[in-house]
C-alpha atoms as a PDB file:
ATOM      1  CA  UNK A   1     -10.040  -4.743 -50.945  1.00  0.00           C
ATOM      2  CA  UNK A   2      -9.026  -6.338 -47.656  1.00  0.00           C
ATOM      3  CA  UNK A   3     -11.514  -8.633 -45.963  1.00  0.00           C
ATOM      4  CA  UNK A   4     -10.634  -7.099 -42.589  1.00  0.00           C
ATOM      5  CA  UNK A   5      -8.104  -4.630 -41.210  1.00  0.00           C
ATOM      6  CA  UNK A   6      -4.616  -6.002 -40.830  1.00  0.00           C
ATOM      7  CA  UNK A   7      -3.856  -7.326 -37.311  1.00  0.00           C
ATOM      8  CA  UNK A   8      -1.016  -4.808 -37.121  1.00  0.00           C
ATOM      9  CA  UNK A   9      -3.572  -2.007 -37.257  1.00  0.00           C
ATOM     10  CA  UNK A  10      -4.652  -3.022 -33.741  1.00  0.00           C
ATOM     11  CA  UNK A  11      -1.271  -1.793 -32.524  1.00  0.00           C
ATOM     12  CA  UNK A  12      -2.493   1.756 -33.148  1.00  0.00           C
ATOM     13  CA  UNK A  13      -4.546   1.636 -29.937  1.00  0.00           C
ATOM     14  CA  UNK A  14      -1.309   2.340 -28.056  1.00  0.00           C
ATOM     15  CA  UNK A  15       1.982   3.957 -29.095  1.00  0.00           C
ATOM     16  CA  UNK A  16       4.608   1.525 -30.351  1.00  0.00           C
ATOM     17  CA  UNK A  17       6.913   2.341 -27.447  1.00  0.00           C
ATOM     18  CA  UNK A  18       4.234   1.079 -25.010  1.00  0.00           C
ATOM     19  CA  UNK A  19       3.996  -2.244 -26.855  1.00  0.00           C
ATOM     20  CA  UNK A  20       7.782  -2.460 -26.978  1.00  0.00           C
ATOM     21  CA  UNK A  21       8.155  -1.646 -23.274  1.00  0.00           C
ATOM     22  CA  UNK A  22       5.572  -4.263 -22.290  1.00  0.00           C
ATOM     23  CA  UNK A  23       7.147  -7.082 -24.297  1.00  0.00           C
ATOM     24  CA  UNK A  24      10.652  -6.063 -23.198  1.00  0.00           C
ATOM     25  CA  UNK A  25       9.478  -6.339 -19.588  1.00  0.00           C
ATOM     26  CA  UNK A  26       7.891  -9.759 -20.189  1.00  0.00           C
ATOM     27  CA  UNK A  27      11.012 -11.085 -21.945  1.00  0.00           C
ATOM     28  CA  UNK A  28      13.198  -9.804 -19.099  1.00  0.00           C
ATOM     29  CA  UNK A  29      11.020 -11.514 -16.485  1.00  0.00           C
ATOM     30  CA  UNK A  30      11.039 -14.813 -18.387  1.00  0.00           C
ATOM     31  CA  UNK A  31      14.806 -14.646 -18.849  1.00  0.00           C
ATOM     32  CA  UNK A  32      15.208 -13.949 -15.135  1.00  0.00           C
ATOM     33  CA  UNK A  33      12.937 -16.852 -14.281  1.00  0.00           C
ATOM     34  CA  UNK A  34      14.591 -19.456 -16.532  1.00  0.00           C
ATOM     35  CA  UNK A  35      18.150 -18.136 -16.534  1.00  0.00           C
ATOM     36  CA  UNK A  36      18.521 -17.311 -12.833  1.00  0.00           C
ATOM     37  CA  UNK A  37      15.852 -18.842 -10.603  1.00  0.00           C
ATOM     38  CA  UNK A  38      15.241 -22.008 -12.620  1.00  0.00           C
ATOM     39  CA  UNK A  39      18.665 -22.581 -14.147  1.00  0.00           C
ATOM     40  CA  UNK A  40      18.819 -26.083 -12.704  1.00  0.00           C
ATOM     41  CA  UNK A  41      15.853 -28.440 -12.852  1.00  0.00           C
ATOM     42  CA  UNK A  42      14.352 -28.921  -9.410  1.00  0.00           C
ATOM     43  CA  UNK A  43      11.061 -29.600  -7.701  1.00  0.00           C
ATOM     44  CA  UNK A  44       9.314 -26.297  -6.993  1.00  0.00           C
ATOM     45  CA  UNK A  45       8.203 -26.198  -3.376  1.00  0.00           C
ATOM     46  CA  UNK A  46       4.794 -24.939  -2.281  1.00  0.00           C
ATOM     47  CA  UNK A  47       6.428 -21.888  -0.679  1.00  0.00           C
ATOM     48  CA  UNK A  48       8.320 -21.021  -3.874  1.00  0.00           C
ATOM     49  CA  UNK A  49       5.217 -21.523  -6.008  1.00  0.00           C
ATOM     50  CA  UNK A  50       3.062 -19.317  -3.806  1.00  0.00           C
ATOM     51  CA  UNK A  51       5.783 -16.647  -3.799  1.00  0.00           C
ATOM     52  CA  UNK A  52       5.815 -16.579  -7.599  1.00  0.00           C
ATOM     53  CA  UNK A  53       1.990 -16.475  -7.653  1.00  0.00           C
ATOM     54  CA  UNK A  54       2.154 -13.394  -5.453  1.00  0.00           C
ATOM     55  CA  UNK A  55       4.833 -11.852  -7.701  1.00  0.00           C
ATOM     56  CA  UNK A  56       2.814 -12.285 -10.906  1.00  0.00           C
ATOM     57  CA  UNK A  57      -0.446 -11.213  -9.265  1.00  0.00           C
ATOM     58  CA  UNK A  58       1.214  -8.105  -7.841  1.00  0.00           C
ATOM     59  CA  UNK A  59       2.759  -7.256 -11.220  1.00  0.00           C
ATOM     60  CA  UNK A  60      -0.637  -7.668 -12.910  1.00  0.00           C
ATOM     61  CA  UNK A  61      -2.344  -5.393 -10.364  1.00  0.00           C
ATOM     62  CA  UNK A  62       0.482  -2.866 -10.677  1.00  0.00           C
ATOM     63  CA  UNK A  63       0.066  -2.848 -14.454  1.00  0.00           C
ATOM     64  CA  UNK A  64      -3.693  -2.515 -13.945  1.00  0.00           C
ATOM     65  CA  UNK A  65      -3.136   0.523 -11.735  1.00  0.00           C
ATOM     66  CA  UNK A  66      -0.891   2.054 -14.408  1.00  0.00           C
ATOM     67  CA  UNK A  67      -3.561   1.575 -17.088  1.00  0.00           C
ATOM     68  CA  UNK A  68      -6.209   2.952 -14.726  1.00  0.00           C
ATOM     69  CA  UNK A  69      -4.159   6.100 -14.144  1.00  0.00           C
ATOM     70  CA  UNK A  70      -3.058   6.491 -17.758  1.00  0.00           C
ATOM     71  CA  UNK A  71      -6.218   5.657 -19.734  1.00  0.00           C
ATOM     72  CA  UNK A  72      -8.988   5.986 -17.162  1.00  0.00           C
ATOM     73  CA  UNK A  73     -11.317   3.809 -15.027  1.00  0.00           C
ATOM     74  CA  UNK A  74     -13.095   2.186 -17.992  1.00  0.00           C
ATOM     75  CA  UNK A  75      -9.904   0.679 -19.421  1.00  0.00           C
ATOM     76  CA  UNK A  76      -8.682  -0.207 -15.923  1.00  0.00           C
ATOM     77  CA  UNK A  77     -11.887  -2.108 -15.174  1.00  0.00           C
ATOM     78  CA  UNK A  78     -11.778  -3.885 -18.525  1.00  0.00           C
ATOM     79  CA  UNK A  79      -8.230  -5.097 -17.836  1.00  0.00           C
ATOM     80  CA  UNK A  80      -9.122  -6.320 -14.336  1.00  0.00           C
ATOM     81  CA  UNK A  81     -12.267  -8.141 -15.515  1.00  0.00           C
ATOM     82  CA  UNK A  82     -10.429  -9.774 -18.440  1.00  0.00           C
ATOM     83  CA  UNK A  83      -7.525 -10.745 -16.173  1.00  0.00           C
ATOM     84  CA  UNK A  84      -9.808 -12.381 -13.586  1.00  0.00           C
ATOM     85  CA  UNK A  85     -11.674 -14.362 -16.247  1.00  0.00           C
ATOM     86  CA  UNK A  86      -8.425 -15.536 -17.837  1.00  0.00           C
ATOM     87  CA  UNK A  87      -7.104 -16.466 -14.388  1.00  0.00           C
ATOM     88  CA  UNK A  88     -10.171 -18.678 -13.870  1.00  0.00           C
ATOM     89  CA  UNK A  89      -9.644 -20.326 -17.236  1.00  0.00           C
ATOM     90  CA  UNK A  90      -6.004 -20.863 -16.242  1.00  0.00           C
ATOM     91  CA  UNK A  91      -7.111 -22.799 -13.165  1.00  0.00           C
ATOM     92  CA  UNK A  92      -9.049 -25.094 -15.497  1.00  0.00           C
ATOM     93  CA  UNK A  93      -5.810 -25.503 -17.486  1.00  0.00           C
ATOM     94  CA  UNK A  94      -3.998 -26.540 -14.313  1.00  0.00           C
ATOM     95  CA  UNK A  95      -6.309 -29.505 -13.853  1.00  0.00           C
ATOM     96  CA  UNK A  96      -5.518 -30.716 -17.383  1.00  0.00           C
ATOM     97  CA  UNK A  97      -1.774 -30.258 -16.811  1.00  0.00           C
ATOM     98  CA  UNK A  98      -2.001 -32.469 -13.721  1.00  0.00           C
ATOM     99  CA  UNK A  99      -3.655 -35.217 -15.784  1.00  0.00           C
ATOM    100  CA  UNK A 100      -1.132 -34.889 -18.641  1.00  0.00           C
ATOM    101  CA  UNK A 101       1.905 -35.088 -16.360  1.00  0.00           C
ATOM    102  CA  UNK A 102       0.401 -38.041 -14.491  1.00  0.00           C
ATOM    103  CA  UNK A 103      -0.373 -39.849 -17.760  1.00  0.00           C
ATOM    104  CA  UNK A 104       3.206 -39.473 -19.056  1.00  0.00           C
ATOM    105  CA  UNK A 105       4.764 -39.957 -15.580  1.00  0.00           C
ATOM    106  CA  UNK A 106       6.808 -36.757 -15.901  1.00  0.00           C
ATOM    107  CA  UNK A 107       9.183 -36.271 -12.968  1.00  0.00           C
ATOM    108  CA  UNK A 108       8.286 -33.181 -10.892  1.00  0.00           C
ATOM    109  CA  UNK A 109      11.724 -31.600 -11.432  1.00  0.00           C
ATOM    110  CA  UNK A 110      11.149 -31.501 -15.212  1.00  0.00           C
ATOM    111  CA  UNK A 111       7.574 -30.221 -15.109  1.00  0.00           C
ATOM    112  CA  UNK A 112       8.629 -26.589 -14.754  1.00  0.00           C
ATOM    113  CA  UNK A 113      10.726 -26.787 -17.918  1.00  0.00           C
ATOM    114  CA  UNK A 114       7.812 -28.205 -19.930  1.00  0.00           C
ATOM    115  CA  UNK A 115       5.434 -25.562 -18.595  1.00  0.00           C
ATOM    116  CA  UNK A 116       7.931 -22.754 -19.300  1.00  0.00           C
ATOM    117  CA  UNK A 117       8.261 -23.552 -22.997  1.00  0.00           C
ATOM    118  CA  UNK A 118       4.601 -24.477 -23.207  1.00  0.00           C
ATOM    119  CA  UNK A 119       3.666 -21.042 -21.931  1.00  0.00           C
ATOM    120  CA  UNK A 120       6.038 -19.355 -24.399  1.00  0.00           C
ATOM    121  CA  UNK A 121       4.103 -21.072 -27.172  1.00  0.00           C
ATOM    122  CA  UNK A 122       0.799 -20.153 -25.524  1.00  0.00           C
ATOM    123  CA  UNK A 123       1.761 -16.469 -25.391  1.00  0.00           C
ATOM    124  CA  UNK A 124       2.588 -16.467 -29.111  1.00  0.00           C
ATOM    125  CA  UNK A 125      -0.646 -18.271 -30.019  1.00  0.00           C
ATOM    126  CA  UNK A 126      -2.809 -15.972 -27.892  1.00  0.00           C
ATOM    127  CA  UNK A 127      -1.106 -12.901 -29.372  1.00  0.00           C
ATOM    128  CA  UNK A 128      -1.967 -13.998 -32.904  1.00  0.00           C
ATOM    129  CA  UNK A 129      -5.516 -15.046 -31.969  1.00  0.00           C
ATOM    130  CA  UNK A 130      -6.338 -11.852 -30.101  1.00  0.00           C
ATOM    131  CA  UNK A 131      -4.845  -9.423 -32.625  1.00  0.00           C
ATOM    132  CA  UNK A 132      -6.618 -11.162 -35.509  1.00  0.00           C
ATOM    133  CA  UNK A 133      -9.833 -11.456 -33.466  1.00  0.00           C
ATOM    134  CA  UNK A 134      -9.885  -7.749 -32.607  1.00  0.00           C
ATOM    135  CA  UNK A 135      -9.223  -6.885 -36.247  1.00  0.00           C
ATOM    136  CA  UNK A 136     -12.071  -9.105 -37.465  1.00  0.00           C
ATOM    137  CA  UNK A 137     -14.515  -7.667 -34.900  1.00  0.00           C
ATOM    138  CA  UNK A 138     -13.550  -4.144 -35.935  1.00  0.00           C
ATOM    139  CA  UNK A 139     -14.882  -4.986 -39.412  1.00  0.00           C
ATOM    140  CA  UNK A 140     -17.618  -7.522 -38.611  1.00  0.00           C
ATOM    141  CA  UNK A 141     -19.169  -6.552 -35.262  1.00  0.00           C
ATOM    142  CA  UNK A 142     -21.875  -9.231 -35.550  1.00  0.00           C
ATOM    143  CA  UNK A 143     -19.227 -11.893 -34.871  1.00  0.00           C
ATOM    144  CA  UNK A 144     -19.470 -10.859 -31.210  1.00  0.00           C
ATOM    145  CA  UNK A 145     -22.964 -12.368 -31.131  1.00  0.00           C
ATOM    146  CA  UNK A 146     -21.598 -15.688 -32.384  1.00  0.00           C
ATOM    147  CA  UNK A 147     -18.945 -15.509 -29.654  1.00  0.00           C
ATOM    148  CA  UNK A 148     -21.687 -14.782 -27.115  1.00  0.00           C
ATOM    149  CA  UNK A 149     -23.727 -17.818 -28.140  1.00  0.00           C
ATOM    150  CA  UNK A 150     -20.577 -19.963 -28.057  1.00  0.00           C
ATOM    151  CA  UNK A 151     -19.744 -18.815 -24.508  1.00  0.00           C
ATOM    152  CA  UNK A 152     -23.260 -19.566 -23.267  1.00  0.00           C
ATOM    153  CA  UNK A 153     -23.055 -23.037 -24.837  1.00  0.00           C
ATOM    154  CA  UNK A 154     -19.584 -23.619 -23.347  1.00  0.00           C
ATOM    155  CA  UNK A 155     -20.723 -22.481 -19.893  1.00  0.00           C
ATOM    156  CA  UNK A 156     -23.761 -24.777 -19.916  1.00  0.00           C
ATOM    157  CA  UNK A 157     -21.650 -27.702 -21.134  1.00  0.00           C
ATOM    158  CA  UNK A 158     -19.052 -27.020 -18.421  1.00  0.00           C
ATOM    159  CA  UNK A 159     -21.704 -26.893 -15.685  1.00  0.00           C
ATOM    160  CA  UNK A 160     -23.156 -30.292 -16.601  1.00  0.00           C
ATOM    161  CA  UNK A 161     -21.138 -33.119 -14.985  1.00  0.00           C
ATOM    162  CA  UNK A 162     -20.324 -36.016 -17.267  1.00  0.00           C
ATOM    163  CA  UNK A 163     -18.621 -39.368 -16.995  1.00  0.00           C
ATOM    164  CA  UNK A 164     -15.056 -39.540 -18.219  1.00  0.00           C
ATOM    165  CA  UNK A 165     -14.526 -35.843 -17.466  1.00  0.00           C
ATOM    166  CA  UNK A 166     -11.285 -36.645 -15.690  1.00  0.00           C
ATOM    167  CA  UNK A 167      -9.750 -38.693 -18.474  1.00  0.00           C
ATOM    168  CA  UNK A 168      -7.359 -37.654 -21.205  1.00  0.00           C
ATOM    169  CA  UNK A 169      -6.316 -39.523 -24.316  1.00  0.00           C
ATOM    170  CA  UNK A 170      -3.001 -38.080 -25.607  1.00  0.00           C
ATOM    171  CA  UNK A 171      -2.597 -41.057 -27.915  1.00  0.00           C
ATOM    172  CA  UNK A 172      -5.490 -39.637 -29.975  1.00  0.00           C
ATOM    173  CA  UNK A 173      -3.819 -36.217 -30.310  1.00  0.00           C
ATOM    174  CA  UNK A 174      -3.495 -35.639 -34.054  1.00  0.00           C
ATOM    175  CA  UNK A 175      -0.406 -33.408 -33.678  1.00  0.00           C
ATOM    176  CA  UNK A 176       1.404 -36.078 -31.657  1.00  0.00           C
ATOM    177  CA  UNK A 177       0.430 -38.788 -34.145  1.00  0.00           C
ATOM    178  CA  UNK A 178       1.695 -36.730 -37.108  1.00  0.00           C
ATOM    179  CA  UNK A 179       4.922 -35.873 -35.310  1.00  0.00           C
ATOM    180  CA  UNK A 180       5.637 -39.527 -34.476  1.00  0.00           C
ATOM    181  CA  UNK A 181       5.014 -40.472 -38.088  1.00  0.00           C
ATOM    182  CA  UNK A 182       7.703 -38.130 -39.423  1.00  0.00           C
ATOM    183  CA  UNK A 183      10.169 -37.869 -36.517  1.00  0.00           C
ATOM    184  CA  UNK A 184      11.638 -40.642 -34.322  1.00  0.00           C
ATOM    185  CA  UNK A 185      10.986 -40.599 -30.587  1.00  0.00           C
ATOM    186  CA  UNK A 186      13.469 -42.026 -28.076  1.00  0.00           C
ATOM    187  CA  UNK A 187      12.197 -44.595 -25.565  1.00  0.00           C
ATOM    188  CA  UNK A 188      13.248 -42.522 -22.547  1.00  0.00           C
ATOM    189  CA  UNK A 189      13.882 -38.960 -21.349  1.00  0.00           C
ATOM    190  CA  UNK A 190      17.408 -37.588 -21.279  1.00  0.00           C
ATOM    191  CA  UNK A 191      17.977 -35.357 -18.235  1.00  0.00           C
ATOM    192  CA  UNK A 192      15.043 -33.109 -19.040  1.00  0.00           C
ATOM    193  CA  UNK A 193      16.052 -32.462 -22.664  1.00  0.00           C
ATOM    194  CA  UNK A 194      13.536 -32.335 -25.496  1.00  0.00           C
ATOM    195  CA  UNK A 195      15.923 -33.915 -28.017  1.00  0.00           C
ATOM    196  CA  UNK A 196      18.698 -36.489 -27.726  1.00  0.00           C
ATOM    197  CA  UNK A 197      20.872 -38.895 -29.738  1.00  0.00           C
ATOM    198  CA  UNK A 198      19.860 -42.541 -29.508  1.00  0.00           C
ATOM    199  CA  UNK A 199      21.333 -45.406 -31.544  1.00  0.00           C
ATOM    200  CA  UNK A 200      23.193 -42.899 -33.682  1.00  0.00           C
ATOM    201  CA  UNK A 201      20.080 -40.909 -34.560  1.00  0.00           C
ATOM    202  CA  UNK A 202      18.770 -37.577 -33.350  1.00  0.00           C
ATOM    203  CA  UNK A 203      15.418 -38.195 -31.701  1.00  0.00           C
ATOM    204  CA  UNK A 204      12.795 -36.335 -29.745  1.00  0.00           C
ATOM    205  CA  UNK A 205      12.349 -37.437 -26.145  1.00  0.00           C
ATOM    206  CA  UNK A 206       9.000 -38.345 -24.546  1.00  0.00           C
ATOM    207  CA  UNK A 207       9.275 -34.994 -22.745  1.00  0.00           C
ATOM    208  CA  UNK A 208       8.926 -33.223 -26.100  1.00  0.00           C
ATOM    209  CA  UNK A 209       5.759 -35.255 -26.752  1.00  0.00           C
ATOM    210  CA  UNK A 210       4.432 -33.953 -23.436  1.00  0.00           C
ATOM    211  CA  UNK A 211       5.232 -30.417 -24.609  1.00  0.00           C
ATOM    212  CA  UNK A 212       3.278 -31.013 -27.827  1.00  0.00           C
ATOM    213  CA  UNK A 213       0.284 -32.220 -25.810  1.00  0.00           C
ATOM    214  CA  UNK A 214       0.489 -29.151 -23.543  1.00  0.00           C
ATOM    215  CA  UNK A 215       0.676 -26.806 -26.550  1.00  0.00           C
ATOM    216  CA  UNK A 216      -2.237 -28.402 -28.411  1.00  0.00           C
ATOM    217  CA  UNK A 217      -4.272 -28.485 -25.192  1.00  0.00           C
ATOM    218  CA  UNK A 218      -3.741 -24.749 -24.773  1.00  0.00           C
ATOM    219  CA  UNK A 219      -4.825 -24.268 -28.377  1.00  0.00           C
ATOM    220  CA  UNK A 220      -8.167 -25.822 -27.427  1.00  0.00           C
ATOM    221  CA  UNK A 221      -8.453 -23.642 -24.323  1.00  0.00           C
ATOM    222  CA  UNK A 222      -7.737 -20.575 -26.462  1.00  0.00           C
ATOM    223  CA  UNK A 223     -11.026 -21.211 -28.251  1.00  0.00           C
ATOM    224  CA  UNK A 224     -12.773 -20.372 -24.956  1.00  0.00           C
ATOM    225  CA  UNK A 225     -10.292 -17.684 -23.997  1.00  0.00           C
ATOM    226  CA  UNK A 226     -10.590 -15.591 -27.150  1.00  0.00           C
ATOM    227  CA  UNK A 227     -14.387 -15.053 -27.033  1.00  0.00           C
ATOM    228  CA  UNK A 228     -14.272 -14.512 -23.254  1.00  0.00           C
ATOM    229  CA  UNK A 229     -11.698 -11.728 -23.333  1.00  0.00           C
ATOM    230  CA  UNK A 230     -13.163 -10.076 -26.445  1.00  0.00           C
ATOM    231  CA  UNK A 231     -16.557 -10.069 -24.738  1.00  0.00           C
ATOM    232  CA  UNK A 232     -15.068  -7.803 -22.107  1.00  0.00           C
ATOM    233  CA  UNK A 233     -12.878  -5.573 -24.267  1.00  0.00           C
ATOM    234  CA  UNK A 234     -12.054  -5.085 -27.935  1.00  0.00           C
ATOM    235  CA  UNK A 235      -9.019  -2.973 -27.078  1.00  0.00           C
ATOM    236  CA  UNK A 236      -6.143  -5.041 -28.472  1.00  0.00           C
ATOM    237  CA  UNK A 237      -3.633  -3.821 -25.887  1.00  0.00           C
ATOM    238  CA  UNK A 238      -5.911  -4.536 -22.909  1.00  0.00           C
ATOM    239  CA  UNK A 239      -7.023  -7.922 -24.269  1.00  0.00           C
ATOM    240  CA  UNK A 240      -3.490  -9.093 -24.994  1.00  0.00           C
ATOM    241  CA  UNK A 241      -1.766  -7.828 -21.841  1.00  0.00           C
ATOM    242  CA  UNK A 242      -4.447  -9.199 -19.491  1.00  0.00           C
ATOM    243  CA  UNK A 243      -4.214 -12.564 -21.260  1.00  0.00           C
ATOM    244  CA  UNK A 244      -0.430 -12.685 -21.071  1.00  0.00           C
ATOM    245  CA  UNK A 245      -0.315 -11.778 -17.376  1.00  0.00           C
ATOM    246  CA  UNK A 246      -2.760 -14.607 -16.609  1.00  0.00           C
ATOM    247  CA  UNK A 247      -0.747 -17.100 -18.680  1.00  0.00           C
ATOM    248  CA  UNK A 248       2.597 -16.122 -17.146  1.00  0.00           C
ATOM    249  CA  UNK A 249       1.312 -16.919 -13.673  1.00  0.00           C
ATOM    250  CA  UNK A 250       0.130 -20.330 -14.826  1.00  0.00           C
ATOM    251  CA  UNK A 251       3.328 -22.267 -13.981  1.00  0.00           C
ATOM    252  CA  UNK A 252       3.482 -21.112 -10.376  1.00  0.00           C
ATOM    253  CA  UNK A 253      -0.289 -21.587 -10.103  1.00  0.00           C
ATOM    254  CA  UNK A 254       0.136 -25.203 -11.192  1.00  0.00           C
ATOM    255  CA  UNK A 255       2.713 -25.982  -8.492  1.00  0.00           C
ATOM    256  CA  UNK A 256       0.726 -24.074  -5.861  1.00  0.00           C
ATOM    257  CA  UNK A 257      -2.532 -25.914  -6.589  1.00  0.00           C
ATOM    258  CA  UNK A 258      -1.149 -29.355  -7.430  1.00  0.00           C
ATOM    259  CA  UNK A 259      -2.440 -31.801  -4.892  1.00  0.00           C
ATOM    260  CA  UNK A 260      -5.193 -29.519  -3.563  1.00  0.00           C
ATOM    261  CA  UNK A 261      -7.265 -29.027  -6.722  1.00  0.00           C
ATOM    262  CA  UNK A 262     -10.099 -31.059  -5.189  1.00  0.00           C
ATOM    263  CA  UNK A 263     -10.510 -28.305  -2.579  1.00  0.00           C
ATOM    264  CA  UNK A 264     -11.688 -25.940  -5.326  1.00  0.00           C
ATOM    265  CA  UNK A 265     -14.296 -28.297  -6.761  1.00  0.00           C
ATOM    266  CA  UNK A 266     -16.931 -25.518  -7.092  1.00  0.00           C
ATOM    267  CA  UNK A 267     -14.595 -23.218  -8.997  1.00  0.00           C
ATOM    268  CA  UNK A 268     -15.455 -24.882 -12.310  1.00  0.00           C
ATOM    269  CA  UNK A 269     -19.146 -24.257 -11.676  1.00  0.00           C
ATOM    270  CA  UNK A 270     -18.312 -20.636 -10.916  1.00  0.00           C
ATOM    271  CA  UNK A 271     -16.377 -20.382 -14.178  1.00  0.00           C
ATOM    272  CA  UNK A 272     -19.364 -21.854 -16.045  1.00  0.00           C
ATOM    273  CA  UNK A 273     -21.636 -19.186 -14.525  1.00  0.00           C
ATOM    274  CA  UNK A 274     -19.161 -16.459 -15.525  1.00  0.00           C
ATOM    275  CA  UNK A 275     -18.971 -17.690 -19.120  1.00  0.00           C
ATOM    276  CA  UNK A 276     -22.772 -17.833 -19.363  1.00  0.00           C
ATOM    277  CA  UNK A 277     -23.004 -14.314 -17.926  1.00  0.00           C
ATOM    278  CA  UNK A 278     -20.407 -12.892 -20.320  1.00  0.00           C
ATOM    279  CA  UNK A 279     -22.025 -14.616 -23.292  1.00  0.00           C
ATOM    280  CA  UNK A 280     -25.456 -13.296 -22.259  1.00  0.00           C
ATOM    281  CA  UNK A 281     -23.941  -9.815 -21.923  1.00  0.00           C
ATOM    282  CA  UNK A 282     -22.785  -9.986 -25.541  1.00  0.00           C
ATOM    283  CA  UNK A 283     -26.141 -11.300 -26.788  1.00  0.00           C
ATOM    284  CA  UNK A 284     -28.022  -8.593 -24.852  1.00  0.00           C
ATOM    285  CA  UNK A 285     -26.488  -5.995 -27.165  1.00  0.00           C
ATOM    286  CA  UNK A 286     -28.748  -7.308 -29.945  1.00  0.00           C
ATOM    287  CA  UNK A 287     -31.708  -5.677 -28.160  1.00  0.00           C
ATOM    288  CA  UNK A 288     -29.583  -2.647 -27.209  1.00  0.00           C
ATOM    289  CA  UNK A 289     -29.369  -3.650 -23.549  1.00  0.00           C
ATOM    290  CA  UNK A 290     -25.910  -2.838 -22.249  1.00  0.00           C
ATOM    291  CA  UNK A 291     -24.293  -4.123 -19.056  1.00  0.00           C
ATOM    292  CA  UNK A 292     -21.528  -1.847 -17.828  1.00  0.00           C
ATOM    293  CA  UNK A 293     -17.981  -3.020 -17.231  1.00  0.00           C
ATOM    294  CA  UNK A 294     -18.379  -2.076 -13.555  1.00  0.00           C
ATOM    295  CA  UNK A 295     -21.405  -4.372 -13.227  1.00  0.00           C
ATOM    296  CA  UNK A 296     -19.568  -7.152 -15.052  1.00  0.00           C
ATOM    297  CA  UNK A 297     -16.580  -6.791 -12.718  1.00  0.00           C
ATOM    298  CA  UNK A 298     -18.831  -6.957  -9.650  1.00  0.00           C
ATOM    299  CA  UNK A 299     -20.607 -10.080 -10.959  1.00  0.00           C
ATOM    300  CA  UNK A 300     -17.322 -11.825 -11.810  1.00  0.00           C
ATOM    301  CA  UNK A 301     -15.868 -10.967  -8.390  1.00  0.00           C
ATOM    302  CA  UNK A 302     -19.024 -12.115  -6.569  1.00  0.00           C
ATOM    303  CA  UNK A 303     -19.194 -15.442  -8.442  1.00  0.00           C
ATOM    304  CA  UNK A 304     -15.496 -16.149  -7.850  1.00  0.00           C
ATOM    305  CA  UNK A 305     -15.759 -15.335  -4.146  1.00  0.00           C
ATOM    306  CA  UNK A 306     -18.891 -17.444  -3.734  1.00  0.00           C
ATOM    307  CA  UNK A 307     -17.436 -20.480  -5.543  1.00  0.00           C
ATOM    308  CA  UNK A 308     -14.229 -20.369  -3.488  1.00  0.00           C
ATOM    309  CA  UNK A 309     -16.130 -19.954  -0.188  1.00  0.00           C
ATOM    310  CA  UNK A 310     -18.482 -22.815  -1.082  1.00  0.00           C
ATOM    311  CA  UNK A 311     -15.476 -25.008  -1.906  1.00  0.00           C
ATOM    312  CA  UNK A 312     -13.909 -24.278   1.473  1.00  0.00           C
ATOM    313  CA  UNK A 313     -17.046 -24.356   3.661  1.00  0.00           C
ATOM    314  CA  UNK A 314     -18.995 -27.224   2.105  1.00  0.00           C
ATOM    315  CA  UNK A 315     -17.321 -30.542   2.768  1.00  0.00           C
ATOM    316  CA  UNK A 316     -17.017 -33.182   0.077  1.00  0.00           C
ATOM    317  CA  UNK A 317     -19.521 -35.895   0.975  1.00  0.00           C
ATOM    318  CA  UNK A 318     -17.422 -38.595  -0.703  1.00  0.00           C
ATOM    319  CA  UNK A 319     -14.436 -37.874   1.525  1.00  0.00           C
ATOM    320  CA  UNK A 320     -16.252 -37.049   4.731  1.00  0.00           C
ATOM    321  CA  UNK A 321     -18.631 -40.000   4.491  1.00  0.00           C
END
């Protein structure tokens, strides 16, 4: 007897042609991005980054409207709520990316390439996590309560400021340490390539090490992402598509926010409040108290709006003083 339904069983929530059409669209957009618009490594300007942010946001809202029309308001609201939460978590990712690139002194013109392949890996990891997670919950519903408690804990931990919060230590990354033990690493980058030949040997470049750090960092963020999205919806199609749309806009979001992240200093507090709210929503089901998706969407929207307005209106005392 199987311990839980196979992840592939989650695909039954939508016809196979819908899954195929979605992934064909995503692959086409990525190919267009890398093969046409980003064929040559260059520094993405603020205008270009914002344009791509608008493109991905518009595509996500268009897809949301399609789901709303096709499967009804409930599914449409679940997608929008999950997408907004994942977008907030993506902003937190951006801050880490800034620190990683600064630590390794990655040239701006090569950052897009690292993020592109990093996001490809992130999409694959999230797909596996979400499909398996939905399958497990379908068999063991009580796991949602564990997820709820974890989200409340994560939110509280995120809201409490701590020293060293802005430091990273890639040299302690176990994946990087294992890779360096079994594969040689060249002393310098080679025109943005991940591998090169040095002293007659095929070696990885430091840029590939950066990619490993980005991938393993996203693996850690996925631990927050999975409970958050499954707290909103257990529909595999909605959970996965909302997650992927948020991730795909991450590269342009990075270049749009780089250099102005300090302006959104209250956004992390807002994200902490959202995680605590979502976790509490899951735990409330124990006593048969249900919070509707509409209410959740309104709370998420209100918290996001408030945190952004506070960031803009309240001046940073350290800089103004």
